[in-house]
Protein backbone atom coordinates (compact mmCIF):
# COMPACT_ATOMS: atom_id res chain seq x y z
CA MET A 1 90.05 83.17 -22.99
CA HIS A 2 93.44 81.48 -22.79
CA SER A 3 91.89 78.33 -21.32
CA ALA A 4 89.48 78.02 -24.25
CA VAL A 5 92.32 78.12 -26.77
CA GLU A 6 94.49 75.84 -24.63
CA ARG A 7 91.71 73.24 -24.55
CA TRP A 8 91.31 73.50 -28.32
CA LEU A 9 95.05 73.13 -28.90
CA ALA A 10 95.44 70.32 -26.36
CA ALA A 11 92.73 68.32 -28.08
CA GLY A 12 94.71 68.45 -31.30
CA SER A 13 91.47 69.38 -32.97
CA ARG A 14 91.23 69.49 -36.75
CA ARG A 15 88.01 71.50 -36.64
CA PRO A 16 87.68 75.30 -36.64
CA PHE A 17 87.83 77.28 -33.42
CA TYR A 18 84.21 78.31 -32.88
CA ILE A 19 83.27 81.72 -31.44
CA GLY A 20 79.72 82.68 -30.51
CA MET A 21 79.02 86.43 -30.28
CA GLY A 22 75.71 87.51 -28.75
CA GLY A 23 74.38 90.85 -27.58
CA GLY A 24 71.48 93.23 -27.94
CA SER A 25 70.16 94.57 -31.20
CA ALA A 26 72.51 97.29 -32.52
CA SER A 27 75.10 96.58 -29.83
CA GLY A 28 77.83 96.32 -32.46
CA LYS A 29 78.06 92.54 -32.98
CA SER A 30 78.31 92.52 -36.77
CA THR A 31 80.89 95.31 -36.82
CA LEU A 32 82.98 93.61 -34.15
CA ALA A 33 82.81 90.22 -35.88
CA ALA A 34 84.01 91.78 -39.15
CA GLN A 35 86.84 93.58 -37.35
CA MET A 36 87.96 90.38 -35.65
CA ALA A 37 87.90 88.47 -38.93
CA GLU A 38 90.11 91.12 -40.52
CA ARG A 39 92.54 91.20 -37.62
CA LEU A 40 92.86 87.42 -37.59
CA THR A 41 94.29 87.41 -41.12
CA PRO A 42 95.98 85.24 -42.43
CA LEU A 43 93.77 82.76 -40.58
CA ARG A 44 90.74 81.76 -42.63
CA VAL A 45 87.66 83.06 -40.82
CA GLU A 46 84.02 82.31 -41.62
CA VAL A 47 81.53 84.85 -40.21
CA VAL A 48 77.92 83.68 -40.00
CA GLY A 49 75.09 86.07 -39.15
CA GLN A 50 72.18 84.51 -37.28
CA ASP A 51 69.83 86.80 -39.21
CA GLN A 52 70.06 84.47 -42.22
CA PHE A 53 68.00 81.94 -40.28
CA PHE A 54 65.00 84.21 -39.68
CA LYS A 55 61.65 82.74 -40.63
CA LYS A 56 59.53 84.50 -43.19
CA PRO A 57 57.66 87.41 -41.54
CA ASP A 58 54.28 85.64 -41.84
CA ASP A 59 55.68 82.59 -40.01
CA MET A 60 57.17 84.54 -37.11
CA PRO A 61 55.67 85.18 -33.69
CA GLN A 62 53.49 88.28 -33.80
CA TYR A 63 52.98 91.17 -31.41
CA TYR A 64 50.02 93.52 -31.30
CA SER A 65 50.77 97.21 -31.56
CA GLN A 66 48.71 99.48 -29.34
CA ILE A 67 49.88 102.38 -31.51
CA ASP A 68 48.59 101.32 -34.93
CA GLY A 69 46.22 98.52 -33.89
CA GLN A 70 47.91 95.90 -36.06
CA HIS A 71 49.92 92.71 -35.62
CA HIS A 72 53.57 92.73 -36.67
CA PRO A 73 56.30 90.06 -36.80
CA ALA A 74 58.55 89.90 -33.75
CA TYR A 75 62.18 89.41 -34.77
CA ASN A 76 63.68 89.04 -31.30
CA GLU A 77 62.25 85.77 -29.96
CA PRO A 78 63.70 82.25 -30.12
CA ASP A 79 60.78 81.14 -32.29
CA SER A 80 61.65 83.85 -34.83
CA PHE A 81 64.35 81.54 -36.19
CA LYS A 82 64.26 78.34 -38.27
CA GLN A 83 65.87 76.45 -35.43
CA ALA A 84 66.37 73.00 -36.98
CA GLU A 85 67.95 74.51 -40.09
CA MET A 86 70.11 76.81 -37.97
CA PHE A 87 71.38 73.99 -35.75
CA GLU A 88 72.18 71.78 -38.74
CA ALA A 89 73.96 74.52 -40.70
CA CYS A 90 76.00 75.74 -37.75
CA GLY A 91 76.91 72.19 -36.77
CA ALA A 92 78.13 71.50 -40.29
CA LEU A 93 80.58 74.38 -39.94
CA ARG A 94 82.57 72.26 -37.52
CA SER A 95 83.98 70.51 -40.58
CA ALA A 96 84.33 73.70 -42.66
CA ASP A 97 87.58 74.45 -44.46
CA CYS A 98 88.58 77.36 -42.24
CA ASP A 99 90.44 78.07 -39.00
CA VAL A 100 87.85 80.11 -37.12
CA VAL A 101 84.06 80.35 -37.25
CA ILE A 102 82.30 83.39 -35.77
CA LEU A 103 78.55 83.06 -35.29
CA GLU A 104 77.02 86.39 -34.36
CA GLY A 105 73.42 87.30 -33.57
CA ILE A 106 71.02 88.48 -30.92
CA LEU A 107 70.21 84.99 -29.63
CA VAL A 108 73.19 82.81 -30.52
CA LEU A 109 73.83 82.27 -26.80
CA TRP A 110 70.18 81.42 -26.08
CA PHE A 111 70.18 78.02 -27.78
CA GLU A 112 71.97 75.18 -25.98
CA PRO A 113 72.76 73.30 -29.23
CA LEU A 114 74.61 76.39 -30.48
CA ARG A 115 76.41 76.96 -27.18
CA ALA A 116 77.58 73.33 -27.28
CA LEU A 117 79.41 74.10 -30.52
CA MET A 118 81.28 77.10 -29.16
CA ASP A 119 84.82 77.17 -27.84
CA LEU A 120 84.50 80.82 -26.81
CA LYS A 121 81.32 82.73 -26.00
CA LEU A 122 81.26 86.55 -26.17
CA TYR A 123 78.52 89.04 -25.30
CA VAL A 124 78.64 92.58 -26.68
CA GLU A 125 76.92 94.96 -24.30
CA ALA A 126 75.72 98.51 -25.00
CA ALA A 127 73.22 100.73 -23.20
CA ALA A 128 69.62 100.68 -24.43
CA ASP A 129 69.51 104.37 -25.33
CA GLU A 130 72.58 104.06 -27.51
CA ARG A 131 71.23 100.97 -29.23
CA ILE A 132 67.93 102.61 -30.18
CA VAL A 133 69.76 105.64 -31.60
CA ARG A 134 71.88 103.29 -33.70
CA ARG A 135 68.80 101.45 -34.94
CA ILE A 136 67.14 104.69 -36.01
CA ARG A 137 70.26 105.97 -37.75
CA ARG A 138 70.75 102.63 -39.48
CA ASN A 139 67.21 102.62 -40.80
CA MET A 140 67.39 106.25 -41.86
CA LYS A 141 70.18 105.24 -44.24
CA LYS A 142 67.83 102.63 -45.71
CA LEU A 143 65.09 105.28 -46.07
CA GLU A 144 62.82 103.21 -43.84
CA ASP A 145 60.06 104.55 -41.59
CA CYS A 146 61.95 105.66 -38.50
CA GLU A 147 58.78 106.35 -36.54
CA PHE A 148 57.79 102.72 -37.02
CA ILE A 149 61.27 101.61 -35.97
CA ALA A 150 61.03 103.66 -32.77
CA ASN A 151 57.56 102.27 -32.02
CA TYR A 152 58.73 98.74 -32.78
CA TYR A 153 61.58 99.15 -30.32
CA LEU A 154 59.28 100.43 -27.58
CA GLU A 155 56.55 97.84 -28.09
CA SER A 156 58.56 94.75 -29.00
CA VAL A 157 62.36 94.90 -28.92
CA ARG A 158 62.69 96.42 -25.47
CA TRP A 159 60.80 93.77 -23.53
CA GLN A 160 62.02 90.92 -25.73
CA HIS A 161 65.58 92.03 -25.01
CA GLU A 162 64.93 91.75 -21.27
CA GLN A 163 63.17 88.41 -21.60
CA TYR A 164 65.37 86.61 -24.10
CA ASN A 165 68.59 88.48 -24.83
CA ALA A 166 69.84 89.94 -21.57
CA PRO A 167 69.78 86.56 -19.74
CA THR A 168 72.23 85.11 -22.29
CA ARG A 169 74.91 87.41 -20.91
CA ALA A 170 75.36 84.84 -18.12
CA HIS A 171 76.61 82.28 -20.65
CA ALA A 172 79.42 84.50 -21.93
CA ASP A 173 83.07 83.83 -21.18
CA TRP A 174 83.81 87.50 -21.88
CA VAL A 175 81.52 90.56 -21.89
CA ILE A 176 82.80 93.18 -24.34
CA PRO A 177 81.62 96.79 -23.99
CA GLY A 178 79.98 98.01 -27.19
CA GLY A 179 79.27 101.63 -26.32
CA MET A 180 80.72 104.65 -28.10
CA ALA A 181 82.60 105.67 -24.96
CA ASP A 182 84.11 102.19 -24.58
CA ALA A 183 86.34 102.24 -27.65
CA ARG A 184 89.61 101.86 -25.75
CA GLU A 185 88.42 99.04 -23.51
CA ARG A 186 86.84 97.28 -26.49
CA GLU A 187 90.05 97.59 -28.50
CA GLU A 188 92.06 96.10 -25.65
CA ALA A 189 89.64 93.17 -25.39
CA VAL A 190 89.62 92.49 -29.13
CA ALA A 191 93.41 92.74 -29.33
CA ALA A 192 93.80 90.24 -26.50
CA ILE A 193 91.31 87.81 -28.05
CA CYS A 194 92.81 87.98 -31.53
CA GLN A 195 96.37 87.69 -30.21
CA THR A 196 95.48 84.52 -28.35
CA ILE A 197 93.48 82.97 -31.18
CA ALA A 198 96.34 83.68 -33.60
CA ARG A 199 98.18 80.82 -31.89
CA ILE A 200 95.83 78.43 -33.69
CA GLY A 201 97.66 79.00 -36.94
CA ALA A 202 101.15 79.07 -35.43
């Protein structure tokens, strides 16, 4: 952590400090990114969600459901994203008028062109059972079909997580626990990260 900031400061860089934040679906990435942005005030922080680069559902990879006998879009594969547009947009943020850029999403650490932009790579980790409960609760609030969400997790998300998401943990400089029982450890990690990054604006 300190070495990443030291390298950035030593380079006398005029570009933003770039953070990549990966992790499983419903691991707490978006919440953590928002919390970090707030804690880094008065630094100017730009938070970018990888979800904005999803392809249209009809253009995504498809999986076949044994439960309903239909094909559905798979949102958890590398080819689910408009990659060229994503690389260009995220690269352009290196000249953005801000101090810190946080790119968060399930596969931000999968793509080498995105990793090459990052000064600090984080992976938010939470147990699978907790993540599926969060997904169901989240979709209940949106009045969506929770049975479909559960089936989608079992037939698509679960194996795609193991194939594409979990391996990106190895690229992280820091693994942050995202579970409900990990609040204290997570708070200590976030406090340490934000305290160090605050030096950028000193």
